[in-house]
Amino acid sequence: MDYQHLSTLLWREQELLDLLLFKAEEKQYLIVSGKNRWLPRIAHEIEVVLEQLRTLEVERAAVGEVLAERLGLPANPSLRTLAEHAGAPWDELLIKHHETLLVLVSELRGLSDANRDLIANGLAAIDEALLSVRPNDVRTYSASGRTTAGANRSVSLDGAL
């Protein structure tokens, strides 16, 4: 385990974060276009990517521990700490990885917040629409076949009576 292995893991993490960003944008498109049918599928795809990221994070942490031990650093070092103690050219490369990861995570947070707002606004609109329907506005049919507002209420009978 060395810097090359860590760099390879970081590249893979960037690819997965980029894929996650794409999936989040797909989800936003589905929400905005009202194609709710596909939301469970995209949610599953996002969960698969997140699971891959979790697995990769464990491997990256293990590699970071080995490098920290070699450098005489405390356990569980941050990527920034490893970069500061790595020799050239790894120091610059690790810093670039760190900066790129920060940008991707920031973009993901923004998109996730926007999607959450879209869903919340959609639910609020549904609630408002449901509250606008009043029981007195519901029309039923009279014995003559005409509609009446609130004069009669519908009743269902149980055949066992």
Protein backbone atom coordinates (compact mmCIF):
# COMPACT_ATOMS: atom_id res chain seq x y z
CA MET A 1 0.00 0.00 0.00
CA ASP A 2 1.45 3.28 -1.12
CA TYR A 3 0.61 6.66 -2.52
CA GLN A 4 -0.20 5.17 -5.92
CA HIS A 5 -2.84 2.94 -4.37
CA LEU A 6 -4.30 5.87 -2.44
CA SER A 7 -4.40 7.98 -5.58
CA THR A 8 -6.18 5.20 -7.48
CA LEU A 9 -8.79 4.99 -4.71
CA LEU A 10 -9.24 8.76 -4.79
CA TRP A 11 -9.77 8.70 -8.56
CA ARG A 12 -12.39 5.99 -8.08
CA GLU A 13 -14.06 8.04 -5.35
CA GLN A 14 -14.22 11.04 -7.67
CA GLU A 15 -15.81 8.88 -10.38
CA LEU A 16 -18.42 7.59 -7.93
CA LEU A 17 -19.19 11.08 -6.64
CA ASP A 18 -19.56 12.27 -10.22
CA LEU A 19 -21.94 9.37 -10.92
CA LEU A 20 -23.86 10.23 -7.77
CA LEU A 21 -24.13 13.83 -8.97
CA PHE A 22 -25.51 12.57 -12.29
CA LYS A 23 -28.05 10.38 -10.48
CA ALA A 24 -29.12 13.31 -8.31
CA GLU A 25 -29.66 15.42 -11.43
CA GLU A 26 -31.68 12.58 -12.95
CA LYS A 27 -33.78 12.50 -9.80
CA GLN A 28 -34.34 16.25 -10.04
CA TYR A 29 -35.47 15.87 -13.65
CA LEU A 30 -37.92 13.15 -12.65
CA ILE A 31 -39.32 15.26 -9.81
CA VAL A 32 -39.70 18.39 -11.95
CA SER A 33 -41.24 16.52 -14.90
CA GLY A 34 -43.65 14.64 -12.64
CA LYS A 35 -42.41 11.22 -13.75
CA ASN A 36 -42.76 9.80 -10.26
CA ARG A 37 -43.00 6.27 -11.60
CA TRP A 38 -39.21 6.12 -11.88
CA LEU A 39 -38.35 7.64 -8.49
CA PRO A 40 -38.04 4.26 -6.69
CA ARG A 41 -35.65 3.06 -9.38
CA ILE A 42 -33.41 6.11 -9.22
CA ALA A 43 -33.49 5.91 -5.40
CA HIS A 44 -32.22 2.31 -5.66
CA GLU A 45 -29.48 3.33 -8.11
CA ILE A 46 -28.39 6.12 -5.76
CA GLU A 47 -28.28 3.66 -2.86
CA VAL A 48 -26.06 1.30 -4.91
CA VAL A 49 -23.59 4.12 -5.60
CA LEU A 50 -23.64 5.16 -1.94
CA GLU A 51 -22.86 1.59 -0.88
CA GLN A 52 -19.90 1.52 -3.29
CA LEU A 53 -18.70 4.81 -1.81
CA ARG A 54 -18.96 3.42 1.73
CA THR A 55 -16.91 0.37 0.76
CA LEU A 56 -14.32 2.53 -0.98
CA GLU A 57 -14.12 4.83 2.04
CA VAL A 58 -13.23 1.89 4.30
CA GLU A 59 -10.44 0.84 1.93
CA ARG A 60 -9.19 4.42 1.64
CA ALA A 61 -9.12 4.73 5.44
CA ALA A 62 -7.05 1.52 5.68
CA VAL A 63 -4.54 2.80 3.14
CA GLY A 64 -4.42 6.15 4.95
CA GLU A 65 -3.63 4.36 8.22
CA VAL A 66 -0.68 2.52 6.66
CA LEU A 67 0.70 5.73 5.16
CA ALA A 68 0.18 7.60 8.45
CA GLU A 69 2.14 4.93 10.31
CA ARG A 70 4.99 5.18 7.78
CA LEU A 71 5.03 8.98 8.15
CA GLY A 72 4.78 8.87 11.93
CA LEU A 73 1.39 10.59 11.97
CA PRO A 74 -1.45 9.95 14.42
CA ALA A 75 -4.14 7.41 13.50
CA ASN A 76 -6.96 8.36 11.14
CA PRO A 77 -5.25 11.23 9.30
CA SER A 78 -7.19 13.48 6.98
CA LEU A 79 -6.32 13.59 3.30
CA ARG A 80 -5.04 17.13 3.79
CA THR A 81 -2.70 15.93 6.58
CA LEU A 82 -1.35 13.12 4.40
CA ALA A 83 -0.79 15.60 1.56
CA GLU A 84 1.10 17.99 3.83
CA HIS A 85 3.51 15.23 4.90
CA ALA A 86 3.90 13.48 1.54
CA GLY A 87 6.89 14.19 -0.64
CA ALA A 88 6.76 15.53 -4.17
CA PRO A 89 4.91 14.84 -6.47
CA TRP A 90 2.37 13.18 -4.17
CA ASP A 91 1.77 16.26 -2.03
CA GLU A 92 0.42 18.29 -4.94
CA LEU A 93 -1.56 15.39 -6.37
CA LEU A 94 -3.22 14.61 -3.02
CA ILE A 95 -4.10 18.29 -2.55
CA LYS A 96 -5.71 18.34 -6.01
CA HIS A 97 -7.69 15.21 -5.11
CA HIS A 98 -8.79 16.89 -1.88
CA GLU A 99 -9.91 20.06 -3.67
CA THR A 100 -11.80 18.11 -6.34
CA LEU A 101 -13.57 16.00 -3.72
CA LEU A 102 -14.61 19.15 -1.85
CA VAL A 103 -16.11 20.64 -5.03
CA LEU A 104 -18.03 17.45 -5.84
CA VAL A 105 -19.39 17.13 -2.31
CA SER A 106 -20.43 20.79 -2.33
CA GLU A 107 -22.27 20.34 -5.64
CA LEU A 108 -23.97 17.22 -4.29
CA ARG A 109 -25.12 19.05 -1.15
CA GLY A 110 -26.61 21.86 -3.22
CA LEU A 111 -28.42 19.49 -5.55
CA SER A 112 -29.64 17.35 -2.67
CA ASP A 113 -31.01 20.43 -0.90
CA ALA A 114 -32.74 21.56 -4.11
CA ASN A 115 -34.32 18.11 -4.58
CA ARG A 116 -35.49 18.07 -0.97
CA ASP A 117 -37.08 21.52 -1.46
CA LEU A 118 -38.82 20.38 -4.65
CA ILE A 119 -40.28 17.37 -2.88
CA ALA A 120 -41.35 19.44 0.15
CA ASN A 121 -42.99 22.04 -2.10
CA GLY A 122 -44.80 19.29 -4.00
CA LEU A 123 -46.12 17.79 -0.77
CA ALA A 124 -47.20 21.23 0.43
CA ALA A 125 -49.11 21.78 -2.82
CA ILE A 126 -50.88 18.43 -2.37
CA ASP A 127 -51.78 19.32 1.22
CA GLU A 128 -53.12 22.69 0.11
CA ALA A 129 -55.20 21.09 -2.63
CA LEU A 130 -56.65 18.55 -0.20
CA LEU A 131 -57.47 21.25 2.34
CA SER A 132 -59.27 23.29 -0.31
CA VAL A 133 -61.83 20.51 -0.76
CA ARG A 134 -64.56 21.05 1.85
CA PRO A 135 -67.15 18.43 2.77
CA ASN A 136 -69.97 20.90 1.93
CA ASP A 137 -68.58 21.23 -1.58
CA VAL A 138 -68.98 17.52 -2.25
CA ARG A 139 -72.02 16.84 -4.37
CA THR A 140 -74.10 13.68 -4.19
CA TYR A 141 -77.13 12.49 -6.12
CA SER A 142 -80.66 12.81 -4.81
CA ALA A 143 -83.42 10.22 -5.33
CA SER A 144 -84.49 12.13 -8.45
CA GLY A 145 -80.99 11.84 -9.95
CA ARG A 146 -80.09 15.46 -9.45
CA THR A 147 -76.95 16.62 -7.65
CA THR A 148 -77.26 18.23 -4.28
CA ALA A 149 -74.56 19.92 -2.26
CA GLY A 150 -74.30 18.51 1.23
CA ALA A 151 -78.03 17.69 1.49
CA ASN A 152 -77.49 13.96 1.50
CA ARG A 153 -74.46 12.04 2.42
CA SER A 154 -73.36 8.85 0.79
CA VAL A 155 -73.69 5.70 2.84
CA SER A 156 -72.43 2.22 2.17
CA LEU A 157 -74.46 -0.71 3.41
CA ASP A 158 -73.10 -3.96 4.68
CA GLY A 159 -74.93 -6.92 3.16
CA ALA A 160 -74.71 -8.80 6.45
CA LEU A 161 -77.24 -6.46 8.11
